[in-house]
N, C-alpha and C. Protein backbone atom coordinates (compact mmCIF):
# COMPACT_ATOMS: atom_id res chain seq x y z
N MET A 1 75.99 -53.49 22.63
CA MET A 1 76.93 -52.41 22.33
C MET A 1 76.21 -51.36 21.50
N THR A 2 76.28 -50.11 21.91
CA THR A 2 75.67 -49.01 21.18
C THR A 2 76.77 -48.11 20.66
N GLU A 3 76.73 -47.78 19.37
CA GLU A 3 77.75 -46.94 18.77
C GLU A 3 77.42 -45.47 18.93
N ASP A 4 78.43 -44.64 19.13
CA ASP A 4 78.29 -43.20 19.09
C ASP A 4 78.66 -42.73 17.70
N ILE A 5 77.75 -42.02 17.04
CA ILE A 5 78.02 -41.57 15.68
C ILE A 5 77.60 -40.13 15.54
N PRO A 6 78.09 -39.42 14.53
CA PRO A 6 77.68 -38.04 14.31
C PRO A 6 76.18 -37.95 14.06
N GLN A 7 75.60 -36.80 14.43
CA GLN A 7 74.16 -36.63 14.32
C GLN A 7 73.82 -35.63 13.22
N GLY A 8 74.44 -35.76 12.08
CA GLY A 8 74.22 -34.83 10.99
C GLY A 8 72.94 -35.10 10.24
N ASP A 9 72.59 -34.17 9.33
CA ASP A 9 71.39 -34.32 8.53
C ASP A 9 71.64 -35.30 7.39
N CYS A 10 70.53 -35.84 6.87
CA CYS A 10 70.62 -36.69 5.67
C CYS A 10 70.89 -35.77 4.49
N ARG A 11 71.98 -35.99 3.78
CA ARG A 11 72.36 -35.08 2.70
C ARG A 11 71.38 -35.11 1.55
N SER A 12 70.80 -36.26 1.28
CA SER A 12 69.93 -36.39 0.13
C SER A 12 68.50 -35.93 0.40
N GLY A 13 68.14 -35.76 1.65
CA GLY A 13 66.78 -35.40 1.98
C GLY A 13 65.84 -36.58 2.02
N ARG A 14 66.33 -37.76 1.64
CA ARG A 14 65.55 -38.99 1.69
C ARG A 14 66.42 -40.08 2.31
N PRO A 15 65.79 -41.11 2.87
CA PRO A 15 66.60 -42.20 3.44
C PRO A 15 67.39 -42.94 2.38
N ASP A 16 68.56 -43.43 2.77
CA ASP A 16 69.38 -44.22 1.86
C ASP A 16 69.85 -45.48 2.58
N THR A 17 70.75 -46.22 1.95
CA THR A 17 71.21 -47.49 2.50
C THR A 17 72.68 -47.43 2.93
N SER A 18 73.19 -46.23 3.19
CA SER A 18 74.61 -46.10 3.51
C SER A 18 74.97 -46.82 4.80
N HIS A 19 74.12 -46.76 5.82
CA HIS A 19 74.43 -47.44 7.08
C HIS A 19 74.38 -48.96 6.90
N GLU A 20 73.39 -49.45 6.19
CA GLU A 20 73.29 -50.89 5.96
C GLU A 20 74.51 -51.40 5.18
N GLU A 21 74.92 -50.65 4.15
CA GLU A 21 76.05 -51.07 3.34
C GLU A 21 77.34 -51.08 4.17
N GLU A 22 77.52 -50.07 4.99
CA GLU A 22 78.70 -50.02 5.85
C GLU A 22 78.75 -51.23 6.78
N LEU A 23 77.60 -51.55 7.37
CA LEU A 23 77.56 -52.67 8.32
C LEU A 23 77.75 -54.01 7.62
N ARG A 24 77.23 -54.15 6.43
CA ARG A 24 77.46 -55.40 5.68
C ARG A 24 78.94 -55.55 5.33
N ARG A 25 79.60 -54.44 4.96
CA ARG A 25 81.04 -54.51 4.70
C ARG A 25 81.81 -54.90 5.95
N ALA A 26 81.26 -54.55 7.12
CA ALA A 26 81.90 -54.90 8.39
C ALA A 26 81.60 -56.34 8.81
N GLY A 27 80.78 -57.05 8.02
CA GLY A 27 80.54 -58.46 8.30
C GLY A 27 79.19 -58.80 8.88
N TYR A 28 78.31 -57.81 9.01
CA TYR A 28 76.96 -58.08 9.53
C TYR A 28 76.04 -58.44 8.37
N GLY A 29 75.59 -59.69 8.35
CA GLY A 29 74.80 -60.16 7.23
C GLY A 29 73.31 -59.88 7.36
N CYS A 30 72.83 -59.57 8.56
CA CYS A 30 71.39 -59.35 8.76
C CYS A 30 71.20 -58.13 9.64
N VAL A 31 71.00 -56.99 9.00
CA VAL A 31 70.85 -55.69 9.68
C VAL A 31 69.37 -55.33 9.69
N ALA A 32 68.82 -55.11 10.88
CA ALA A 32 67.39 -54.81 11.02
C ALA A 32 67.19 -53.35 11.41
N GLY A 33 66.26 -52.70 10.74
CA GLY A 33 65.82 -51.36 11.13
C GLY A 33 64.58 -51.46 11.98
N LEU A 34 64.49 -50.61 13.03
CA LEU A 34 63.33 -50.60 13.92
C LEU A 34 62.80 -49.19 14.09
N ASP A 35 61.49 -49.08 14.16
CA ASP A 35 60.84 -47.81 14.49
C ASP A 35 59.45 -48.11 15.05
N GLU A 36 58.80 -47.07 15.58
CA GLU A 36 57.50 -47.27 16.19
C GLU A 36 56.50 -46.23 15.69
N ALA A 37 55.23 -46.47 15.97
CA ALA A 37 54.15 -45.54 15.66
C ALA A 37 53.18 -45.51 16.82
N GLY A 38 52.67 -44.32 17.10
CA GLY A 38 51.66 -44.18 18.15
C GLY A 38 52.21 -43.83 19.51
N ARG A 39 53.46 -43.45 19.57
CA ARG A 39 54.08 -43.13 20.86
C ARG A 39 53.34 -41.99 21.57
N GLY A 40 52.92 -40.97 20.83
CA GLY A 40 52.30 -39.81 21.44
C GLY A 40 50.78 -39.82 21.45
N ALA A 41 50.16 -40.90 20.99
CA ALA A 41 48.70 -40.96 20.95
C ALA A 41 48.12 -41.03 22.35
N TRP A 42 46.87 -40.64 22.50
CA TRP A 42 46.17 -40.70 23.79
C TRP A 42 45.43 -42.02 23.97
N ALA A 43 45.25 -42.75 22.89
CA ALA A 43 44.49 -44.00 22.95
C ALA A 43 45.12 -45.01 22.01
N GLY A 44 44.91 -46.29 22.33
CA GLY A 44 45.38 -47.37 21.49
C GLY A 44 46.80 -47.79 21.82
N PRO A 45 47.24 -48.87 21.21
CA PRO A 45 48.58 -49.40 21.47
C PRO A 45 49.66 -48.59 20.78
N VAL A 46 50.91 -48.86 21.17
CA VAL A 46 52.06 -48.42 20.40
C VAL A 46 52.51 -49.61 19.57
N TYR A 47 52.77 -49.36 18.30
CA TYR A 47 53.19 -50.41 17.37
C TYR A 47 54.66 -50.22 17.01
N ALA A 48 55.36 -51.31 16.77
CA ALA A 48 56.74 -51.27 16.32
C ALA A 48 56.88 -52.10 15.06
N GLY A 49 57.75 -51.65 14.17
CA GLY A 49 58.10 -52.41 12.98
C GLY A 49 59.57 -52.76 13.00
N ALA A 50 59.91 -53.91 12.45
CA ALA A 50 61.30 -54.34 12.29
C ALA A 50 61.45 -54.88 10.87
N VAL A 51 62.42 -54.36 10.13
CA VAL A 51 62.57 -54.71 8.72
C VAL A 51 64.03 -54.98 8.39
N VAL A 52 64.27 -56.08 7.70
CA VAL A 52 65.57 -56.37 7.09
C VAL A 52 65.39 -56.22 5.58
N LEU A 53 66.16 -55.33 4.99
CA LEU A 53 66.01 -55.03 3.58
C LEU A 53 66.44 -56.20 2.69
N PRO A 54 65.91 -56.25 1.47
CA PRO A 54 66.36 -57.27 0.52
C PRO A 54 67.76 -56.93 0.02
N SER A 55 68.42 -57.92 -0.57
CA SER A 55 69.75 -57.68 -1.13
C SER A 55 69.71 -57.41 -2.63
N ALA A 56 68.62 -57.76 -3.28
CA ALA A 56 68.53 -57.58 -4.74
C ALA A 56 68.53 -56.10 -5.09
N PRO A 57 69.43 -55.64 -5.94
CA PRO A 57 69.48 -54.22 -6.30
C PRO A 57 68.17 -53.69 -6.87
N SER A 58 67.48 -54.50 -7.68
CA SER A 58 66.23 -54.03 -8.28
C SER A 58 65.17 -53.77 -7.22
N ALA A 59 65.09 -54.63 -6.21
CA ALA A 59 64.13 -54.44 -5.12
C ALA A 59 64.50 -53.21 -4.29
N LEU A 60 65.79 -53.04 -4.02
CA LEU A 60 66.22 -51.87 -3.26
C LEU A 60 65.90 -50.57 -3.99
N ARG A 61 66.12 -50.57 -5.31
CA ARG A 61 65.81 -49.36 -6.09
C ARG A 61 64.33 -49.02 -5.99
N GLU A 62 63.47 -50.02 -6.05
CA GLU A 62 62.04 -49.75 -5.97
C GLU A 62 61.66 -49.23 -4.59
N LEU A 63 62.25 -49.79 -3.54
CA LEU A 63 61.97 -49.30 -2.19
C LEU A 63 62.50 -47.88 -2.00
N LEU A 64 63.70 -47.61 -2.50
CA LEU A 64 64.26 -46.26 -2.39
C LEU A 64 63.38 -45.23 -3.08
N GLY A 65 62.65 -45.66 -4.10
CA GLY A 65 61.80 -44.73 -4.83
C GLY A 65 60.51 -44.36 -4.12
N CYS A 66 60.10 -45.16 -3.12
CA CYS A 66 58.78 -44.88 -2.52
C CYS A 66 58.76 -44.87 -1.00
N VAL A 67 59.79 -45.42 -0.33
CA VAL A 67 59.78 -45.51 1.12
C VAL A 67 60.45 -44.28 1.71
N HIS A 68 59.76 -43.67 2.67
CA HIS A 68 60.28 -42.49 3.37
C HIS A 68 59.76 -42.58 4.79
N ASP A 69 60.26 -41.69 5.64
CA ASP A 69 59.67 -41.52 6.97
C ASP A 69 58.16 -41.50 6.81
N SER A 70 57.46 -42.34 7.58
CA SER A 70 56.01 -42.48 7.38
C SER A 70 55.27 -41.16 7.56
N LYS A 71 55.81 -40.26 8.37
CA LYS A 71 55.14 -38.96 8.59
C LYS A 71 55.22 -38.07 7.36
N GLN A 72 56.12 -38.38 6.43
CA GLN A 72 56.29 -37.58 5.22
C GLN A 72 55.45 -38.10 4.05
N LEU A 73 54.73 -39.19 4.27
CA LEU A 73 53.96 -39.80 3.19
C LEU A 73 52.47 -39.63 3.43
N THR A 74 51.70 -39.54 2.36
CA THR A 74 50.25 -39.57 2.48
C THR A 74 49.81 -40.98 2.85
N ALA A 75 48.57 -41.12 3.29
CA ALA A 75 48.05 -42.44 3.64
C ALA A 75 48.11 -43.38 2.44
N GLU A 76 47.79 -42.87 1.26
CA GLU A 76 47.84 -43.70 0.05
C GLU A 76 49.27 -44.13 -0.25
N ALA A 77 50.22 -43.20 -0.12
CA ALA A 77 51.62 -43.54 -0.38
C ALA A 77 52.16 -44.53 0.65
N ARG A 78 51.72 -44.40 1.90
CA ARG A 78 52.15 -45.35 2.92
C ARG A 78 51.65 -46.76 2.60
N GLU A 79 50.40 -46.86 2.16
CA GLU A 79 49.86 -48.18 1.83
C GLU A 79 50.63 -48.81 0.67
N ARG A 80 50.96 -48.01 -0.31
CA ARG A 80 51.74 -48.54 -1.44
C ARG A 80 53.13 -48.98 -0.96
N ALA A 81 53.77 -48.14 -0.15
CA ALA A 81 55.09 -48.49 0.37
C ALA A 81 55.02 -49.74 1.24
N PHE A 82 53.97 -49.85 2.05
CA PHE A 82 53.80 -51.02 2.90
C PHE A 82 53.73 -52.29 2.05
N GLY A 83 52.96 -52.26 0.97
CA GLY A 83 52.84 -53.42 0.12
C GLY A 83 54.17 -53.83 -0.49
N LEU A 84 54.96 -52.84 -0.93
CA LEU A 84 56.26 -53.15 -1.51
C LEU A 84 57.22 -53.70 -0.46
N ILE A 85 57.19 -53.12 0.74
CA ILE A 85 58.05 -53.61 1.82
C ILE A 85 57.72 -55.07 2.13
N MET A 86 56.44 -55.38 2.25
CA MET A 86 56.04 -56.75 2.58
C MET A 86 56.37 -57.71 1.44
N ASP A 87 56.35 -57.21 0.20
CA ASP A 87 56.69 -58.06 -0.94
C ASP A 87 58.20 -58.32 -1.03
N TYR A 88 59.01 -57.28 -0.74
CA TYR A 88 60.43 -57.36 -1.04
C TYR A 88 61.33 -57.59 0.17
N ALA A 89 60.90 -57.22 1.36
CA ALA A 89 61.79 -57.31 2.52
C ALA A 89 62.25 -58.75 2.74
N ARG A 90 63.48 -58.87 3.17
CA ARG A 90 63.98 -60.20 3.55
C ARG A 90 63.20 -60.72 4.74
N TYR A 91 63.02 -59.86 5.74
CA TYR A 91 62.18 -60.16 6.90
C TYR A 91 61.44 -58.89 7.31
N ALA A 92 60.24 -59.05 7.86
CA ALA A 92 59.49 -57.92 8.42
C ALA A 92 58.68 -58.43 9.60
N GLY A 93 58.71 -57.71 10.70
CA GLY A 93 57.96 -58.08 11.89
C GLY A 93 57.24 -56.89 12.49
N VAL A 94 56.15 -57.16 13.20
CA VAL A 94 55.36 -56.14 13.89
C VAL A 94 55.24 -56.54 15.35
N GLY A 95 55.42 -55.58 16.24
CA GLY A 95 55.23 -55.80 17.67
C GLY A 95 54.29 -54.76 18.23
N VAL A 96 53.56 -55.13 19.29
CA VAL A 96 52.53 -54.26 19.86
C VAL A 96 52.66 -54.25 21.38
N ALA A 97 52.50 -53.07 21.97
CA ALA A 97 52.30 -52.95 23.42
C ALA A 97 50.97 -52.23 23.64
N GLN A 98 50.08 -52.86 24.37
CA GLN A 98 48.73 -52.37 24.54
C GLN A 98 48.68 -51.16 25.48
N ALA A 99 47.54 -50.47 25.46
CA ALA A 99 47.38 -49.27 26.29
C ALA A 99 47.60 -49.59 27.77
N TRP A 100 47.11 -50.74 28.24
CA TRP A 100 47.27 -51.06 29.65
C TRP A 100 48.74 -51.32 29.98
N GLU A 101 49.51 -51.82 29.01
CA GLU A 101 50.95 -52.02 29.23
C GLU A 101 51.67 -50.67 29.27
N ILE A 102 51.23 -49.74 28.45
CA ILE A 102 51.78 -48.39 28.49
C ILE A 102 51.53 -47.75 29.86
N ASP A 103 50.30 -47.93 30.37
CA ASP A 103 49.98 -47.39 31.69
C ASP A 103 50.83 -48.03 32.79
N GLU A 104 51.08 -49.31 32.64
CA GLU A 104 51.81 -50.05 33.67
C GLU A 104 53.32 -49.80 33.61
N LEU A 105 53.87 -49.70 32.41
CA LEU A 105 55.32 -49.63 32.24
C LEU A 105 55.83 -48.22 31.97
N GLY A 106 54.96 -47.34 31.50
CA GLY A 106 55.41 -46.06 30.96
C GLY A 106 55.66 -46.20 29.47
N ILE A 107 55.56 -45.09 28.75
CA ILE A 107 55.61 -45.17 27.29
C ILE A 107 56.98 -45.58 26.78
N ALA A 108 58.07 -45.18 27.43
CA ALA A 108 59.40 -45.54 26.94
C ALA A 108 59.63 -47.05 27.03
N ARG A 109 59.35 -47.64 28.19
CA ARG A 109 59.55 -49.09 28.34
C ARG A 109 58.58 -49.87 27.48
N ALA A 110 57.34 -49.38 27.35
CA ALA A 110 56.36 -50.08 26.52
C ALA A 110 56.77 -50.04 25.05
N THR A 111 57.35 -48.93 24.62
CA THR A 111 57.83 -48.85 23.24
C THR A 111 58.94 -49.86 23.01
N ARG A 112 59.86 -49.97 23.95
CA ARG A 112 60.94 -50.95 23.81
C ARG A 112 60.39 -52.38 23.84
N LEU A 113 59.33 -52.60 24.62
CA LEU A 113 58.68 -53.92 24.63
C LEU A 113 58.11 -54.23 23.24
N ALA A 114 57.48 -53.25 22.62
CA ALA A 114 56.95 -53.45 21.26
C ALA A 114 58.09 -53.73 20.29
N TRP A 115 59.21 -53.04 20.43
CA TRP A 115 60.38 -53.30 19.58
C TRP A 115 60.85 -54.75 19.74
N MET A 116 60.95 -55.21 21.00
CA MET A 116 61.40 -56.57 21.24
C MET A 116 60.43 -57.58 20.61
N ARG A 117 59.14 -57.31 20.69
CA ARG A 117 58.16 -58.20 20.08
C ARG A 117 58.25 -58.17 18.57
N ALA A 118 58.55 -57.01 17.99
CA ALA A 118 58.74 -56.95 16.54
C ALA A 118 59.95 -57.78 16.12
N LEU A 119 61.00 -57.74 16.92
CA LEU A 119 62.20 -58.52 16.61
C LEU A 119 61.92 -60.01 16.64
N GLU A 120 60.95 -60.43 17.46
CA GLU A 120 60.60 -61.85 17.51
C GLU A 120 60.06 -62.35 16.18
N GLY A 121 59.59 -61.43 15.34
CA GLY A 121 59.10 -61.81 14.01
C GLY A 121 60.20 -62.01 12.99
N LEU A 122 61.45 -61.76 13.38
CA LEU A 122 62.58 -61.96 12.48
C LEU A 122 63.31 -63.25 12.85
N PRO A 123 63.53 -64.14 11.89
CA PRO A 123 64.26 -65.38 12.21
C PRO A 123 65.66 -65.11 12.73
N GLU A 124 66.26 -64.01 12.29
CA GLU A 124 67.60 -63.68 12.74
C GLU A 124 67.82 -62.18 12.61
N ALA A 125 68.71 -61.65 13.42
CA ALA A 125 69.16 -60.27 13.32
C ALA A 125 70.52 -60.20 13.99
N GLU A 126 71.44 -59.49 13.35
CA GLU A 126 72.81 -59.39 13.87
C GLU A 126 73.16 -57.99 14.34
N PHE A 127 72.44 -56.99 13.82
CA PHE A 127 72.73 -55.59 14.17
C PHE A 127 71.44 -54.81 14.02
N LEU A 128 71.23 -53.83 14.91
CA LEU A 128 70.00 -53.04 14.91
C LEU A 128 70.30 -51.58 14.56
N LEU A 129 69.49 -51.03 13.68
CA LEU A 129 69.46 -49.60 13.39
C LEU A 129 68.14 -49.06 13.92
N LEU A 130 68.22 -48.06 14.80
CA LEU A 130 67.02 -47.58 15.49
C LEU A 130 66.87 -46.07 15.34
N ASP A 131 65.63 -45.62 15.45
CA ASP A 131 65.34 -44.19 15.37
C ASP A 131 65.54 -43.56 16.75
N ALA A 132 66.65 -42.89 16.94
CA ALA A 132 66.93 -42.02 18.09
C ALA A 132 67.33 -42.73 19.37
N PHE A 133 66.65 -43.81 19.76
CA PHE A 133 66.85 -44.38 21.08
C PHE A 133 67.39 -45.81 20.99
N PRO A 134 68.28 -46.20 21.90
CA PRO A 134 68.75 -47.58 21.93
C PRO A 134 67.70 -48.52 22.50
N LEU A 135 67.83 -49.78 22.18
CA LEU A 135 66.96 -50.83 22.73
C LEU A 135 67.74 -51.50 23.86
N LEU A 136 67.50 -51.03 25.07
CA LEU A 136 68.29 -51.45 26.22
C LEU A 136 68.14 -52.93 26.52
N GLU A 137 67.00 -53.50 26.17
CA GLU A 137 66.72 -54.89 26.49
C GLU A 137 67.40 -55.89 25.55
N SER A 138 68.00 -55.40 24.48
CA SER A 138 68.65 -56.28 23.51
C SER A 138 70.16 -56.25 23.69
N SER A 139 70.78 -57.43 23.59
CA SER A 139 72.24 -57.53 23.67
C SER A 139 72.89 -57.38 22.29
N LEU A 140 72.08 -57.23 21.24
CA LEU A 140 72.63 -57.09 19.90
C LEU A 140 73.34 -55.74 19.76
N PRO A 141 74.42 -55.69 18.97
CA PRO A 141 75.02 -54.39 18.67
C PRO A 141 74.01 -53.52 17.93
N GLN A 142 74.04 -52.22 18.18
CA GLN A 142 73.02 -51.35 17.64
C GLN A 142 73.53 -49.93 17.45
N ARG A 143 72.81 -49.19 16.61
CA ARG A 143 73.19 -47.83 16.27
C ARG A 143 71.93 -46.96 16.25
N PRO A 144 71.68 -46.17 17.29
CA PRO A 144 70.56 -45.22 17.24
C PRO A 144 70.94 -44.02 16.36
N LEU A 145 70.03 -43.61 15.50
CA LEU A 145 70.27 -42.50 14.59
C LEU A 145 69.24 -41.40 14.84
N VAL A 146 69.70 -40.20 15.12
CA VAL A 146 68.79 -39.06 15.23
C VAL A 146 68.12 -38.84 13.88
N ARG A 147 66.80 -38.70 13.89
CA ARG A 147 66.00 -38.61 12.66
C ARG A 147 66.29 -39.80 11.73
N GLY A 148 66.44 -40.96 12.34
CA GLY A 148 66.78 -42.15 11.58
C GLY A 148 65.78 -42.50 10.51
N ASP A 149 64.48 -42.22 10.77
CA ASP A 149 63.46 -42.57 9.77
C ASP A 149 63.54 -41.69 8.53
N SER A 150 64.26 -40.58 8.60
CA SER A 150 64.47 -39.72 7.43
C SER A 150 65.81 -39.98 6.76
N ARG A 151 66.67 -40.79 7.38
CA ARG A 151 68.04 -40.96 6.91
C ARG A 151 68.37 -42.38 6.46
N CYS A 152 67.69 -43.36 7.03
CA CYS A 152 68.08 -44.76 6.88
C CYS A 152 66.90 -45.55 6.34
N LEU A 153 67.09 -46.23 5.22
CA LEU A 153 65.98 -46.92 4.56
C LEU A 153 65.37 -48.01 5.43
N SER A 154 66.20 -48.76 6.15
CA SER A 154 65.66 -49.82 7.01
C SER A 154 64.73 -49.24 8.08
N ILE A 155 65.14 -48.13 8.69
CA ILE A 155 64.31 -47.51 9.73
C ILE A 155 63.06 -46.91 9.12
N ALA A 156 63.21 -46.25 7.96
CA ALA A 156 62.03 -45.69 7.28
C ALA A 156 61.03 -46.79 6.95
N ALA A 157 61.51 -47.93 6.47
CA ALA A 157 60.62 -49.05 6.16
C ALA A 157 59.92 -49.54 7.42
N ALA A 158 60.66 -49.62 8.52
CA ALA A 158 60.05 -50.04 9.78
C ALA A 158 59.00 -49.04 10.24
N SER A 159 59.25 -47.75 10.00
CA SER A 159 58.25 -46.73 10.40
C SER A 159 56.97 -46.88 9.60
N VAL A 160 57.09 -47.21 8.31
CA VAL A 160 55.91 -47.42 7.47
C VAL A 160 55.14 -48.65 7.93
N VAL A 161 55.84 -49.74 8.20
CA VAL A 161 55.18 -50.96 8.65
C VAL A 161 54.43 -50.71 9.95
N ALA A 162 55.07 -50.03 10.90
CA ALA A 162 54.42 -49.76 12.19
C ALA A 162 53.22 -48.84 12.02
N LYS A 163 53.37 -47.79 11.22
CA LYS A 163 52.29 -46.81 11.05
C LYS A 163 51.08 -47.42 10.34
N VAL A 164 51.31 -48.14 9.27
CA VAL A 164 50.19 -48.72 8.53
C VAL A 164 49.48 -49.78 9.37
N ALA A 165 50.25 -50.62 10.05
CA ALA A 165 49.61 -51.65 10.90
C ALA A 165 48.79 -51.00 12.01
N ARG A 166 49.33 -49.96 12.63
CA ARG A 166 48.59 -49.30 13.72
C ARG A 166 47.35 -48.58 13.20
N ASP A 167 47.47 -47.88 12.08
CA ASP A 167 46.30 -47.17 11.52
C ASP A 167 45.19 -48.16 11.19
N ARG A 168 45.54 -49.29 10.63
CA ARG A 168 44.52 -50.29 10.32
C ARG A 168 43.84 -50.77 11.60
N HIS A 169 44.62 -50.98 12.63
CA HIS A 169 44.06 -51.43 13.91
C HIS A 169 43.11 -50.38 14.48
N MET A 170 43.50 -49.11 14.45
CA MET A 170 42.64 -48.08 15.02
C MET A 170 41.36 -47.90 14.22
N ARG A 171 41.42 -48.10 12.91
CA ARG A 171 40.19 -48.05 12.12
C ARG A 171 39.25 -49.19 12.51
N GLU A 172 39.82 -50.35 12.80
CA GLU A 172 39.00 -51.48 13.25
C GLU A 172 38.37 -51.19 14.61
N GLN A 173 39.13 -50.56 15.49
CA GLN A 173 38.62 -50.26 16.83
C GLN A 173 37.53 -49.19 16.82
N ALA A 174 37.52 -48.37 15.79
CA ALA A 174 36.55 -47.28 15.73
C ALA A 174 35.11 -47.78 15.73
N ALA A 175 34.89 -48.95 15.17
CA ALA A 175 33.53 -49.48 15.11
C ALA A 175 32.96 -49.75 16.49
N GLY A 176 33.82 -50.15 17.44
CA GLY A 176 33.35 -50.43 18.79
C GLY A 176 33.25 -49.21 19.67
N SER A 177 33.92 -48.11 19.28
CA SER A 177 33.89 -46.86 20.07
C SER A 177 33.73 -45.70 19.10
N PRO A 178 32.59 -45.60 18.40
CA PRO A 178 32.47 -44.65 17.29
C PRO A 178 32.52 -43.18 17.70
N VAL A 179 32.22 -42.86 18.96
CA VAL A 179 32.13 -41.45 19.34
C VAL A 179 33.48 -40.74 19.29
N TYR A 180 34.57 -41.49 19.35
CA TYR A 180 35.89 -40.86 19.43
C TYR A 180 36.53 -40.58 18.07
N GLY A 181 35.99 -41.12 17.02
CA GLY A 181 36.53 -40.88 15.68
C GLY A 181 37.91 -41.46 15.48
N PHE A 182 38.17 -42.64 16.04
CA PHE A 182 39.50 -43.24 15.92
C PHE A 182 39.89 -43.51 14.48
N GLU A 183 38.91 -43.71 13.60
CA GLU A 183 39.23 -43.95 12.19
C GLU A 183 39.87 -42.72 11.55
N ARG A 184 39.64 -41.53 12.15
CA ARG A 184 40.23 -40.30 11.63
C ARG A 184 41.45 -39.86 12.44
N ASN A 185 41.33 -39.86 13.76
CA ASN A 185 42.43 -39.30 14.57
C ASN A 185 43.44 -40.35 15.03
N LYS A 186 43.12 -41.64 14.87
CA LYS A 186 44.01 -42.75 15.23
C LYS A 186 44.43 -42.71 16.71
N GLY A 187 43.61 -42.03 17.54
CA GLY A 187 43.91 -41.97 18.97
C GLY A 187 44.69 -40.75 19.40
N TYR A 188 45.08 -39.90 18.46
CA TYR A 188 45.81 -38.68 18.82
C TYR A 188 44.84 -37.61 19.34
N GLY A 189 45.39 -36.62 20.03
CA GLY A 189 44.56 -35.64 20.72
C GLY A 189 44.07 -34.51 19.85
N THR A 190 43.35 -34.82 18.80
CA THR A 190 42.77 -33.78 17.94
C THR A 190 41.63 -33.07 18.67
N ARG A 191 41.20 -31.97 18.09
CA ARG A 191 40.10 -31.22 18.72
C ARG A 191 38.83 -32.07 18.80
N GLN A 192 38.52 -32.80 17.74
CA GLN A 192 37.33 -33.65 17.75
C GLN A 192 37.43 -34.73 18.82
N HIS A 193 38.62 -35.30 18.97
CA HIS A 193 38.84 -36.32 20.00
C HIS A 193 38.68 -35.70 21.39
N GLN A 194 39.23 -34.50 21.59
CA GLN A 194 39.10 -33.82 22.89
C GLN A 194 37.64 -33.53 23.21
N GLU A 195 36.88 -33.11 22.21
CA GLU A 195 35.46 -32.82 22.44
C GLU A 195 34.70 -34.09 22.81
N ALA A 196 35.02 -35.20 22.14
CA ALA A 196 34.38 -36.47 22.46
C ALA A 196 34.73 -36.92 23.88
N LEU A 197 35.97 -36.71 24.28
CA LEU A 197 36.38 -37.07 25.64
C LEU A 197 35.65 -36.21 26.68
N SER A 198 35.51 -34.93 26.39
CA SER A 198 34.82 -34.05 27.32
C SER A 198 33.37 -34.46 27.51
N GLU A 199 32.75 -34.96 26.43
CA GLU A 199 31.34 -35.33 26.50
C GLU A 199 31.13 -36.75 27.04
N HIS A 200 31.99 -37.68 26.65
CA HIS A 200 31.75 -39.08 26.96
C HIS A 200 32.75 -39.68 27.96
N GLY A 201 33.85 -38.98 28.23
CA GLY A 201 34.89 -39.56 29.07
C GLY A 201 35.70 -40.59 28.31
N PRO A 202 36.75 -41.13 28.92
CA PRO A 202 37.61 -42.10 28.24
C PRO A 202 37.00 -43.49 28.20
N CYS A 203 37.52 -44.32 27.30
CA CYS A 203 37.11 -45.72 27.21
C CYS A 203 38.32 -46.61 27.51
N SER A 204 38.14 -47.90 27.39
CA SER A 204 39.20 -48.84 27.76
C SER A 204 40.42 -48.75 26.85
N LEU A 205 40.28 -48.13 25.68
CA LEU A 205 41.41 -47.99 24.77
C LEU A 205 42.31 -46.83 25.13
N HIS A 206 41.86 -45.95 26.02
CA HIS A 206 42.65 -44.77 26.35
C HIS A 206 43.79 -45.10 27.31
N ARG A 207 44.81 -44.26 27.26
CA ARG A 207 45.99 -44.41 28.11
C ARG A 207 45.79 -43.55 29.36
N PHE A 208 45.40 -44.17 30.43
CA PHE A 208 45.02 -43.43 31.63
C PHE A 208 46.22 -42.82 32.34
N SER A 209 47.43 -43.23 31.99
CA SER A 209 48.62 -42.62 32.58
C SER A 209 48.99 -41.31 31.89
N PHE A 210 48.42 -41.03 30.72
CA PHE A 210 48.70 -39.79 30.02
C PHE A 210 47.90 -38.66 30.66
N ALA A 211 48.53 -37.51 30.85
CA ALA A 211 47.95 -36.42 31.64
C ALA A 211 46.54 -36.02 31.19
N PRO A 212 46.26 -35.81 29.89
CA PRO A 212 44.90 -35.38 29.52
C PRO A 212 43.83 -36.40 29.92
N ILE A 213 44.15 -37.70 29.79
CA ILE A 213 43.18 -38.73 30.15
C ILE A 213 43.08 -38.87 31.66
N ARG A 214 44.22 -38.80 32.34
CA ARG A 214 44.22 -38.91 33.80
C ARG A 214 43.39 -37.78 34.42
N GLN A 215 43.51 -36.58 33.87
CA GLN A 215 42.75 -35.45 34.41
C GLN A 215 41.25 -35.65 34.24
N LEU A 216 40.84 -36.19 33.07
CA LEU A 216 39.42 -36.47 32.85
C LEU A 216 38.94 -37.57 33.81
N ALA A 217 39.76 -38.61 33.99
CA ALA A 217 39.38 -39.69 34.90
C ALA A 217 39.25 -39.18 36.32
N ASP A 218 40.13 -38.25 36.70
CA ASP A 218 40.09 -37.72 38.06
C ASP A 218 38.84 -36.89 38.32
N THR A 219 38.27 -36.30 37.25
CA THR A 219 37.06 -35.50 37.41
C THR A 219 35.80 -36.37 37.39
N GLY A 220 35.96 -37.66 37.12
CA GLY A 220 34.81 -38.57 37.13
C GLY A 220 34.10 -38.69 35.81
N LEU A 221 34.67 -38.12 34.73
CA LEU A 221 34.03 -38.24 33.41
C LEU A 221 34.29 -39.62 32.82
């Protein structure tokens, strides 16, 4: 079941716990936030995070003070937020869909596959809060929120978990494919990445179904 809700802006400018509190009052004891990282990258997997917030007020206050949409945080702030989320979250899971799965399924289905795999890391979940899109493969009740990672603390925490886990992975992969600068661009289509592709062509980490990579592959580079 997917709820239809208003798509207004977050009044505070930062994520809060209003959706989680409403759902707990409605009887849902385990509300999970989900988000992904790497959806638009040209190389590497798409990562998903799933987070169930703690119930302790002191832990929630600390998370509210540092967790935000991962795109709004510096790398240093994301790492700090990631550590606090892993310390305080009731549950946290990470799911991955590899580049070849993205090529085979398409990015939308592969992202949902990563979400489902992230959910497998949670012992239980009763309701899902998601950033923008529903998880069609799940029978759990759910609420997609436009700009959810900027409005909802559970989703923001999931975005941080997914982003930090993926960035760490891409830095590890950079050692095996140093010409692409994955430690800096994380697989996104920066100018330096484009120049490396023009000179060396794609590698096995690239998403060959994405137009820029497909065009290079078609030219024989």
